[in-house]
Amino acid sequence: MVITDSRYDNTKEFLQDTFSNFEKELYWKKKTNQHFDPLGDAETESLHALMYDTLCAGSGGMGWDTIDTGESKFTNRAQPRKCNNCGQKNMFFLENCVNCGSDDLKTIKDSRWGISAKSHLDYLDEMIGYRLTVLEPTEYEPSCRSFRLRSYWIPTTDEYLTEYATRQFNSPKSNGINFLPFNRDFYRSSPILHLDAMIDTNGVNITYFNTENKVVERGPDRFYELTTEEIMDKKSFGKNRGNVTR
């Protein structure tokens, strides 16, 4: 479903402008071995402000992301690849290691959203929810020039996520929830799809846009075999895992 209104029009135009200089930006990122990250914190907040017809808080990260008290998160799966020969990290679109020239580069797919357990509990009654956006290359090859961008909504009051935040906050090791897209924790937190778009050098094609959608996405059946308590009891809270992005 695509609901075409001013929010849709603004969202599409914003994405087209954001990715319009893709090839030129990629040229310099490759030349300097810099991570390609077209939607940083500020851009993601702007995207969500347009999607939900609200405004950014204008606080530079010192308050709410948007004035409707939503929390914006972005993660990028076009991650740096590690050279199996020398260990050097290379930006996703390089075919050879910048250090040793090897083409034996390991693809990594572990980027996550970072959620503060303390903030979740402190603002449980004030924050309306999380807007979680993920960018994925359509193929994990340096020649890839097309991406899928999806954005999901999870209410702050979701029971599973709140139990996760409570357990994490009460653990002795860490306040941070490493929230991996499309894994068990994600699907058990009742994500709702609001945006699905394909992006390439020819432009942006929004295949789904409905910020009023309330249908929860369901994951594989195996994700629902255990109760929330059983899942939490098996976790090792506080262990460092993967690349956490805001």
C-alpha atoms as a PDB file:
ATOM      1  CA  MET A   1       0.000   0.000   0.000  1.00  0.00           C
ATOM      2  CA  VAL A   2       1.223   3.470  -0.861  1.00  0.00           C
ATOM      3  CA  ILE A   3      -0.698   6.394   0.606  1.00  0.00           C
ATOM      4  CA  THR A   4       0.161   9.398  -1.539  1.00  0.00           C
ATOM      5  CA  ASP A   5      -0.218  12.633   0.368  1.00  0.00           C
ATOM      6  CA  SER A   6       2.093  15.521   1.235  1.00  0.00           C
ATOM      7  CA  ARG A   7       4.043  13.296   3.624  1.00  0.00           C
ATOM      8  CA  TYR A   8       4.680  10.809   0.838  1.00  0.00           C
ATOM      9  CA  ASP A   9       5.666  13.568  -1.599  1.00  0.00           C
ATOM     10  CA  ASN A  10       8.066  15.182   0.877  1.00  0.00           C
ATOM     11  CA  THR A  11       9.583  11.843   1.875  1.00  0.00           C
ATOM     12  CA  LYS A  12      10.224  10.833  -1.716  1.00  0.00           C
ATOM     13  CA  GLU A  13      11.711  14.209  -2.655  1.00  0.00           C
ATOM     14  CA  PHE A  14      13.943  14.171   0.418  1.00  0.00           C
ATOM     15  CA  LEU A  15      15.274  10.698  -0.391  1.00  0.00           C
ATOM     16  CA  GLN A  16      15.824  11.614  -4.027  1.00  0.00           C
ATOM     17  CA  ASP A  17      17.815  14.692  -3.004  1.00  0.00           C
ATOM     18  CA  THR A  18      19.762  12.758  -0.364  1.00  0.00           C
ATOM     19  CA  PHE A  19      20.897  10.102  -2.849  1.00  0.00           C
ATOM     20  CA  SER A  20      21.073  12.304  -5.969  1.00  0.00           C
ATOM     21  CA  ASN A  21      24.822  12.851  -5.690  1.00  0.00           C
ATOM     22  CA  PHE A  22      25.520   9.210  -4.941  1.00  0.00           C
ATOM     23  CA  GLU A  23      28.176   8.462  -7.572  1.00  0.00           C
ATOM     24  CA  LYS A  24      30.187  11.614  -6.845  1.00  0.00           C
ATOM     25  CA  GLU A  25      30.009  11.036  -3.106  1.00  0.00           C
ATOM     26  CA  LEU A  26      31.019   7.417  -3.588  1.00  0.00           C
ATOM     27  CA  TYR A  27      34.034   8.476  -5.652  1.00  0.00           C
ATOM     28  CA  TRP A  28      35.500  10.467  -2.763  1.00  0.00           C
ATOM     29  CA  LYS A  29      34.524   7.933  -0.124  1.00  0.00           C
ATOM     30  CA  LYS A  30      36.332   5.192  -2.063  1.00  0.00           C
ATOM     31  CA  LYS A  31      39.341   7.411  -2.643  1.00  0.00           C
ATOM     32  CA  THR A  32      39.715   8.094   1.085  1.00  0.00           C
ATOM     33  CA  ASN A  33      38.439   4.718   2.371  1.00  0.00           C
ATOM     34  CA  GLN A  34      35.637   6.477   4.202  1.00  0.00           C
ATOM     35  CA  HIS A  35      32.469   4.664   5.303  1.00  0.00           C
ATOM     36  CA  PHE A  36      29.462   5.374   3.045  1.00  0.00           C
ATOM     37  CA  ASP A  37      26.635   6.512   5.316  1.00  0.00           C
ATOM     38  CA  PRO A  38      24.062   8.653   3.446  1.00  0.00           C
ATOM     39  CA  LEU A  39      21.606   8.864   6.352  1.00  0.00           C
ATOM     40  CA  GLY A  40      23.322  10.024   9.505  1.00  0.00           C
ATOM     41  CA  ASP A  41      21.596  11.114  12.710  1.00  0.00           C
ATOM     42  CA  ALA A  42      20.393  14.482  11.412  1.00  0.00           C
ATOM     43  CA  GLU A  43      19.218  13.138   8.050  1.00  0.00           C
ATOM     44  CA  THR A  44      17.309  10.281   9.687  1.00  0.00           C
ATOM     45  CA  GLU A  45      15.538  12.684  12.022  1.00  0.00           C
ATOM     46  CA  SER A  46      14.618  14.861   9.035  1.00  0.00           C
ATOM     47  CA  LEU A  47      13.308  11.808   7.165  1.00  0.00           C
ATOM     48  CA  HIS A  48      11.094  10.870  10.094  1.00  0.00           C
ATOM     49  CA  ALA A  49       9.897  14.449  10.578  1.00  0.00           C
ATOM     50  CA  LEU A  50       8.695  14.437   6.967  1.00  0.00           C
ATOM     51  CA  MET A  51       7.155  10.975   7.204  1.00  0.00           C
ATOM     52  CA  TYR A  52       5.140  11.838  10.311  1.00  0.00           C
ATOM     53  CA  ASP A  53       4.401  15.498   9.530  1.00  0.00           C
ATOM     54  CA  THR A  54       6.255  16.797  12.553  1.00  0.00           C
ATOM     55  CA  LEU A  55       9.451  18.804  13.098  1.00  0.00           C
ATOM     56  CA  CYS A  56      12.922  18.047  14.378  1.00  0.00           C
ATOM     57  CA  ALA A  57      13.570  19.380  17.859  1.00  0.00           C
ATOM     58  CA  GLY A  58      16.481  21.560  16.709  1.00  0.00           C
ATOM     59  CA  SER A  59      18.495  20.507  19.729  1.00  0.00           C
ATOM     60  CA  GLY A  60      21.498  18.915  18.058  1.00  0.00           C
ATOM     61  CA  GLY A  61      21.032  15.623  19.891  1.00  0.00           C
ATOM     62  CA  MET A  62      20.435  17.158  23.337  1.00  0.00           C
ATOM     63  CA  GLY A  63      16.678  16.488  23.527  1.00  0.00           C
ATOM     64  CA  TRP A  64      13.883  14.770  21.640  1.00  0.00           C
ATOM     65  CA  ASP A  65      14.695  13.833  18.054  1.00  0.00           C
ATOM     66  CA  THR A  66      11.333  15.198  16.892  1.00  0.00           C
ATOM     67  CA  ILE A  67       8.887  17.446  18.723  1.00  0.00           C
ATOM     68  CA  ASP A  68       6.244  14.711  18.817  1.00  0.00           C
ATOM     69  CA  THR A  69       8.639  12.871  21.209  1.00  0.00           C
ATOM     70  CA  GLY A  70       9.606  10.130  18.789  1.00  0.00           C
ATOM     71  CA  GLU A  71      13.062   8.527  18.831  1.00  0.00           C
ATOM     72  CA  SER A  72      14.858   8.105  15.495  1.00  0.00           C
ATOM     73  CA  LYS A  73      17.363   5.318  14.833  1.00  0.00           C
ATOM     74  CA  PHE A  74      19.298   4.394  11.689  1.00  0.00           C
ATOM     75  CA  THR A  75      21.586   1.520  10.808  1.00  0.00           C
ATOM     76  CA  ASN A  76      23.441   0.810   7.590  1.00  0.00           C
ATOM     77  CA  ARG A  77      24.222  -2.680   6.274  1.00  0.00           C
ATOM     78  CA  ALA A  78      26.701  -1.428   3.660  1.00  0.00           C
ATOM     79  CA  GLN A  79      29.375  -2.018   6.282  1.00  0.00           C
ATOM     80  CA  PRO A  80      33.157  -1.930   5.968  1.00  0.00           C
ATOM     81  CA  ARG A  81      34.672  -5.259   4.918  1.00  0.00           C
ATOM     82  CA  LYS A  82      37.647  -6.750   6.730  1.00  0.00           C
ATOM     83  CA  CYS A  83      40.672  -7.968   4.807  1.00  0.00           C
ATOM     84  CA  ASN A  84      41.341 -11.623   5.601  1.00  0.00           C
ATOM     85  CA  ASN A  85      44.992 -11.152   4.641  1.00  0.00           C
ATOM     86  CA  CYS A  86      46.099  -8.186   6.761  1.00  0.00           C
ATOM     87  CA  GLY A  87      43.074  -7.273   8.906  1.00  0.00           C
ATOM     88  CA  GLN A  88      42.562  -3.800   7.428  1.00  0.00           C
ATOM     89  CA  LYS A  89      38.979  -2.503   7.301  1.00  0.00           C
ATOM     90  CA  ASN A  90      37.868  -1.341   3.870  1.00  0.00           C
ATOM     91  CA  MET A  91      34.789   0.653   2.976  1.00  0.00           C
ATOM     92  CA  PHE A  92      32.067  -1.520   1.450  1.00  0.00           C
ATOM     93  CA  PHE A  93      32.483  -0.501  -2.201  1.00  0.00           C
ATOM     94  CA  LEU A  94      36.223  -1.198  -2.527  1.00  0.00           C
ATOM     95  CA  GLU A  95      37.204  -4.357  -4.405  1.00  0.00           C
ATOM     96  CA  ASN A  96      40.730  -4.553  -3.012  1.00  0.00           C
ATOM     97  CA  CYS A  97      42.282  -3.884   0.353  1.00  0.00           C
ATOM     98  CA  VAL A  98      43.725  -0.377   0.629  1.00  0.00           C
ATOM     99  CA  ASN A  99      46.633  -1.724   2.678  1.00  0.00           C
ATOM    100  CA  CYS A 100      47.781  -4.923   0.977  1.00  0.00           C
ATOM    101  CA  GLY A 101      45.779  -5.073  -2.274  1.00  0.00           C
ATOM    102  CA  SER A 102      44.124  -8.409  -1.486  1.00  0.00           C
ATOM    103  CA  ASP A 103      40.641  -9.092  -2.847  1.00  0.00           C
ATOM    104  CA  ASP A 104      39.891 -11.485   0.021  1.00  0.00           C
ATOM    105  CA  LEU A 105      37.546  -9.187   1.925  1.00  0.00           C
ATOM    106  CA  LYS A 106      35.065 -10.479   4.483  1.00  0.00           C
ATOM    107  CA  THR A 107      31.485  -9.213   4.288  1.00  0.00           C
ATOM    108  CA  ILE A 108      30.028  -8.208   7.655  1.00  0.00           C
ATOM    109  CA  LYS A 109      26.298  -7.915   8.379  1.00  0.00           C
ATOM    110  CA  ASP A 110      26.009  -7.096  12.065  1.00  0.00           C
ATOM    111  CA  SER A 111      25.155  -3.389  12.292  1.00  0.00           C
ATOM    112  CA  ARG A 112      22.531  -2.634  14.926  1.00  0.00           C
ATOM    113  CA  TRP A 113      20.415   0.110  16.398  1.00  0.00           C
ATOM    114  CA  GLY A 114      21.583   1.294  19.804  1.00  0.00           C
ATOM    115  CA  ILE A 115      18.831   1.734  22.388  1.00  0.00           C
ATOM    116  CA  SER A 116      19.482   3.083  25.872  1.00  0.00           C
ATOM    117  CA  ALA A 117      17.773   0.922  28.465  1.00  0.00           C
ATOM    118  CA  LYS A 118      17.862   3.749  31.010  1.00  0.00           C
ATOM    119  CA  SER A 119      16.297   6.275  28.639  1.00  0.00           C
ATOM    120  CA  HIS A 120      13.639   3.765  27.642  1.00  0.00           C
ATOM    121  CA  LEU A 121      12.576   3.317  31.258  1.00  0.00           C
ATOM    122  CA  ASP A 122      12.999   6.978  32.259  1.00  0.00           C
ATOM    123  CA  TYR A 123      10.822   8.211  29.400  1.00  0.00           C
ATOM    124  CA  LEU A 124       8.422   5.292  29.157  1.00  0.00           C
ATOM    125  CA  ASP A 125       5.407   7.550  29.645  1.00  0.00           C
ATOM    126  CA  GLU A 126       6.701  10.439  27.522  1.00  0.00           C
ATOM    127  CA  MET A 127       8.384   8.973  24.452  1.00  0.00           C
ATOM    128  CA  ILE A 128       5.832   7.736  21.933  1.00  0.00           C
ATOM    129  CA  GLY A 129       8.070   5.166  20.275  1.00  0.00           C
ATOM    130  CA  TYR A 130      11.044   4.219  18.127  1.00  0.00           C
ATOM    131  CA  ARG A 131      11.350   4.886  14.406  1.00  0.00           C
ATOM    132  CA  LEU A 132      13.866   2.311  13.215  1.00  0.00           C
ATOM    133  CA  THR A 133      15.291   2.694   9.730  1.00  0.00           C
ATOM    134  CA  VAL A 134      17.658   0.271   8.013  1.00  0.00           C
ATOM    135  CA  LEU A 135      19.509   0.609   4.698  1.00  0.00           C
ATOM    136  CA  GLU A 136      20.622  -2.581   2.941  1.00  0.00           C
ATOM    137  CA  PRO A 137      22.488  -3.146  -0.325  1.00  0.00           C
ATOM    138  CA  THR A 138      20.486  -5.419  -2.615  1.00  0.00           C
ATOM    139  CA  GLU A 139      23.595  -7.577  -3.035  1.00  0.00           C
ATOM    140  CA  TYR A 140      26.696  -7.736  -0.899  1.00  0.00           C
ATOM    141  CA  GLU A 141      29.148  -6.932  -3.679  1.00  0.00           C
ATOM    142  CA  PRO A 142      31.276  -3.777  -4.119  1.00  0.00           C
ATOM    143  CA  SER A 143      29.670  -3.267  -7.540  1.00  0.00           C
ATOM    144  CA  CYS A 144      26.196  -2.913  -5.978  1.00  0.00           C
ATOM    145  CA  ARG A 145      24.488   0.399  -6.704  1.00  0.00           C
ATOM    146  CA  SER A 146      20.991  -0.309  -5.405  1.00  0.00           C
ATOM    147  CA  PHE A 147      19.575  -0.360  -1.884  1.00  0.00           C
ATOM    148  CA  ARG A 148      16.475  -1.193   0.064  1.00  0.00           C
ATOM    149  CA  LEU A 149      15.422   1.269   2.745  1.00  0.00           C
ATOM    150  CA  ARG A 150      12.837   0.242   5.346  1.00  0.00           C
ATOM    151  CA  SER A 151      11.479   2.097   8.340  1.00  0.00           C
ATOM    152  CA  TYR A 152       9.585   0.502  11.216  1.00  0.00           C
ATOM    153  CA  TRP A 153       7.637   1.749  14.212  1.00  0.00           C
ATOM    154  CA  ILE A 154       7.785   0.205  17.690  1.00  0.00           C
ATOM    155  CA  PRO A 155       5.822   1.854  20.534  1.00  0.00           C
ATOM    156  CA  THR A 156       7.833   2.578  23.667  1.00  0.00           C
ATOM    157  CA  THR A 157       5.251   0.674  25.706  1.00  0.00           C
ATOM    158  CA  ASP A 158       5.835  -2.609  23.876  1.00  0.00           C
ATOM    159  CA  GLU A 159       5.929  -5.263  26.601  1.00  0.00           C
ATOM    160  CA  TYR A 160       8.792  -7.333  25.189  1.00  0.00           C
ATOM    161  CA  LEU A 161      11.093  -4.372  24.548  1.00  0.00           C
ATOM    162  CA  THR A 162      10.318  -2.889  27.955  1.00  0.00           C
ATOM    163  CA  GLU A 163      11.163  -6.183  29.662  1.00  0.00           C
ATOM    164  CA  TYR A 164      14.394  -6.303  27.641  1.00  0.00           C
ATOM    165  CA  ALA A 165      15.244  -2.745  28.727  1.00  0.00           C
ATOM    166  CA  THR A 166      14.465  -3.576  32.353  1.00  0.00           C
ATOM    167  CA  ARG A 167      16.708  -6.662  32.348  1.00  0.00           C
ATOM    168  CA  GLN A 168      19.495  -4.789  30.555  1.00  0.00           C
ATOM    169  CA  PHE A 169      19.302  -1.808  32.921  1.00  0.00           C
ATOM    170  CA  ASN A 170      19.423  -4.066  35.982  1.00  0.00           C
ATOM    171  CA  SER A 171      22.432  -5.995  34.667  1.00  0.00           C
ATOM    172  CA  PRO A 172      25.872  -5.101  36.057  1.00  0.00           C
ATOM    173  CA  LYS A 173      27.581  -4.673  32.706  1.00  0.00           C
ATOM    174  CA  SER A 174      25.860  -2.344  30.251  1.00  0.00           C
ATOM    175  CA  ASN A 175      23.003   0.095  29.733  1.00  0.00           C
ATOM    176  CA  GLY A 176      22.913  -0.398  25.961  1.00  0.00           C
ATOM    177  CA  ILE A 177      20.573  -2.643  23.998  1.00  0.00           C
ATOM    178  CA  ASN A 178      22.196  -3.881  20.784  1.00  0.00           C
ATOM    179  CA  PHE A 179      19.075  -4.186  18.662  1.00  0.00           C
ATOM    180  CA  LEU A 180      19.727  -6.235  15.526  1.00  0.00           C
ATOM    181  CA  PRO A 181      17.380  -5.801  12.548  1.00  0.00           C
ATOM    182  CA  PHE A 182      15.286  -8.851  11.686  1.00  0.00           C
ATOM    183  CA  ASN A 183      16.399 -11.061  14.572  1.00  0.00           C
ATOM    184  CA  ARG A 184      14.233 -12.544  17.337  1.00  0.00           C
ATOM    185  CA  ASP A 185      14.325  -9.502  19.627  1.00  0.00           C
ATOM    186  CA  PHE A 186      13.269  -7.275  16.742  1.00  0.00           C
ATOM    187  CA  TYR A 187      10.263  -9.362  15.736  1.00  0.00           C
ATOM    188  CA  ARG A 188       9.201 -10.062  19.320  1.00  0.00           C
ATOM    189  CA  SER A 189       9.072  -6.276  19.886  1.00  0.00           C
ATOM    190  CA  SER A 190       6.147  -6.047  17.413  1.00  0.00           C
ATOM    191  CA  PRO A 191       7.632  -3.876  14.639  1.00  0.00           C
ATOM    192  CA  ILE A 192       5.238  -2.209  12.213  1.00  0.00           C
ATOM    193  CA  LEU A 193       6.367  -1.351   8.681  1.00  0.00           C
ATOM    194  CA  HIS A 194       5.763   2.269   7.650  1.00  0.00           C
ATOM    195  CA  LEU A 195       8.153   2.726   4.714  1.00  0.00           C
ATOM    196  CA  ASP A 196       9.704   0.437   2.108  1.00  0.00           C
ATOM    197  CA  ALA A 197      11.699   1.951  -0.756  1.00  0.00           C
ATOM    198  CA  MET A 198      14.119   0.852  -3.440  1.00  0.00           C
ATOM    199  CA  ILE A 199      16.918   3.296  -4.219  1.00  0.00           C
ATOM    200  CA  ASP A 200      19.403   3.202  -7.087  1.00  0.00           C
ATOM    201  CA  THR A 201      21.229   5.569  -9.404  1.00  0.00           C
ATOM    202  CA  ASN A 202      18.002   6.150 -11.349  1.00  0.00           C
ATOM    203  CA  GLY A 203      16.055   7.414  -8.357  1.00  0.00           C
ATOM    204  CA  VAL A 204      13.710   6.324  -5.576  1.00  0.00           C
ATOM    205  CA  ASN A 205      10.776   3.938  -5.864  1.00  0.00           C
ATOM    206  CA  ILE A 206       8.595   3.825  -2.742  1.00  0.00           C
ATOM    207  CA  THR A 207       6.802   0.478  -2.727  1.00  0.00           C
ATOM    208  CA  TYR A 208       5.111   0.898   0.659  1.00  0.00           C
ATOM    209  CA  PHE A 209       4.198   4.036   2.596  1.00  0.00           C
ATOM    210  CA  ASN A 210       1.617   4.051   5.359  1.00  0.00           C
ATOM    211  CA  THR A 211       2.464   5.737   8.651  1.00  0.00           C
ATOM    212  CA  GLU A 212      -0.980   4.798   9.980  1.00  0.00           C
ATOM    213  CA  ASN A 213      -0.318   1.068   9.550  1.00  0.00           C
ATOM    214  CA  LYS A 214      -0.889  -0.957  12.708  1.00  0.00           C
ATOM    215  CA  VAL A 215      -0.228  -4.479  11.382  1.00  0.00           C
ATOM    216  CA  VAL A 216       2.676  -6.096  13.229  1.00  0.00           C
ATOM    217  CA  GLU A 217       5.343  -7.823  11.123  1.00  0.00           C
ATOM    218  CA  ARG A 218       5.775 -11.503  11.940  1.00  0.00           C
ATOM    219  CA  GLY A 219       9.108 -13.271  11.862  1.00  0.00           C
ATOM    220  CA  PRO A 220       9.927 -16.968  11.455  1.00  0.00           C
ATOM    221  CA  ASP A 221       7.925 -19.338  13.652  1.00  0.00           C
ATOM    222  CA  ARG A 222      11.036 -20.339  15.613  1.00  0.00           C
ATOM    223  CA  PHE A 223      11.184 -16.815  17.082  1.00  0.00           C
ATOM    224  CA  TYR A 224       7.962 -17.449  18.999  1.00  0.00           C
ATOM    225  CA  GLU A 225       8.730 -20.832  20.543  1.00  0.00           C
ATOM    226  CA  LEU A 226       9.923 -19.417  23.881  1.00  0.00           C
ATOM    227  CA  THR A 227       8.208 -17.072  26.299  1.00  0.00           C
ATOM    228  CA  THR A 228       9.624 -13.619  26.973  1.00  0.00           C
ATOM    229  CA  GLU A 229      10.921 -14.793  30.349  1.00  0.00           C
ATOM    230  CA  GLU A 230      12.639 -17.829  28.823  1.00  0.00           C
ATOM    231  CA  ILE A 231      14.359 -15.654  26.213  1.00  0.00           C
ATOM    232  CA  MET A 232      15.552 -13.127  28.788  1.00  0.00           C
ATOM    233  CA  ASP A 233      16.850 -15.816  31.122  1.00  0.00           C
ATOM    234  CA  LYS A 234      19.080 -17.117  28.328  1.00  0.00           C
ATOM    235  CA  LYS A 235      20.641 -13.743  27.520  1.00  0.00           C
ATOM    236  CA  SER A 236      24.133 -12.687  28.544  1.00  0.00           C
ATOM    237  CA  PHE A 237      23.512  -9.018  29.230  1.00  0.00           C
ATOM    238  CA  GLY A 238      26.261  -6.503  28.643  1.00  0.00           C
ATOM    239  CA  LYS A 239      28.453  -8.448  26.232  1.00  0.00           C
ATOM    240  CA  ASN A 240      29.862  -6.350  23.384  1.00  0.00           C
ATOM    241  CA  ARG A 241      28.444  -7.549  20.070  1.00  0.00           C
ATOM    242  CA  GLY A 242      28.653  -6.133  16.587  1.00  0.00           C
ATOM    243  CA  ASN A 243      28.698  -2.616  15.253  1.00  0.00           C
ATOM    244  CA  VAL A 244      26.165  -0.488  17.111  1.00  0.00           C
ATOM    245  CA  THR A 245      24.813   2.546  15.281  1.00  0.00           C
ATOM    246  CA  ARG A 246      22.445   5.139  16.522  1.00  0.00           C
END
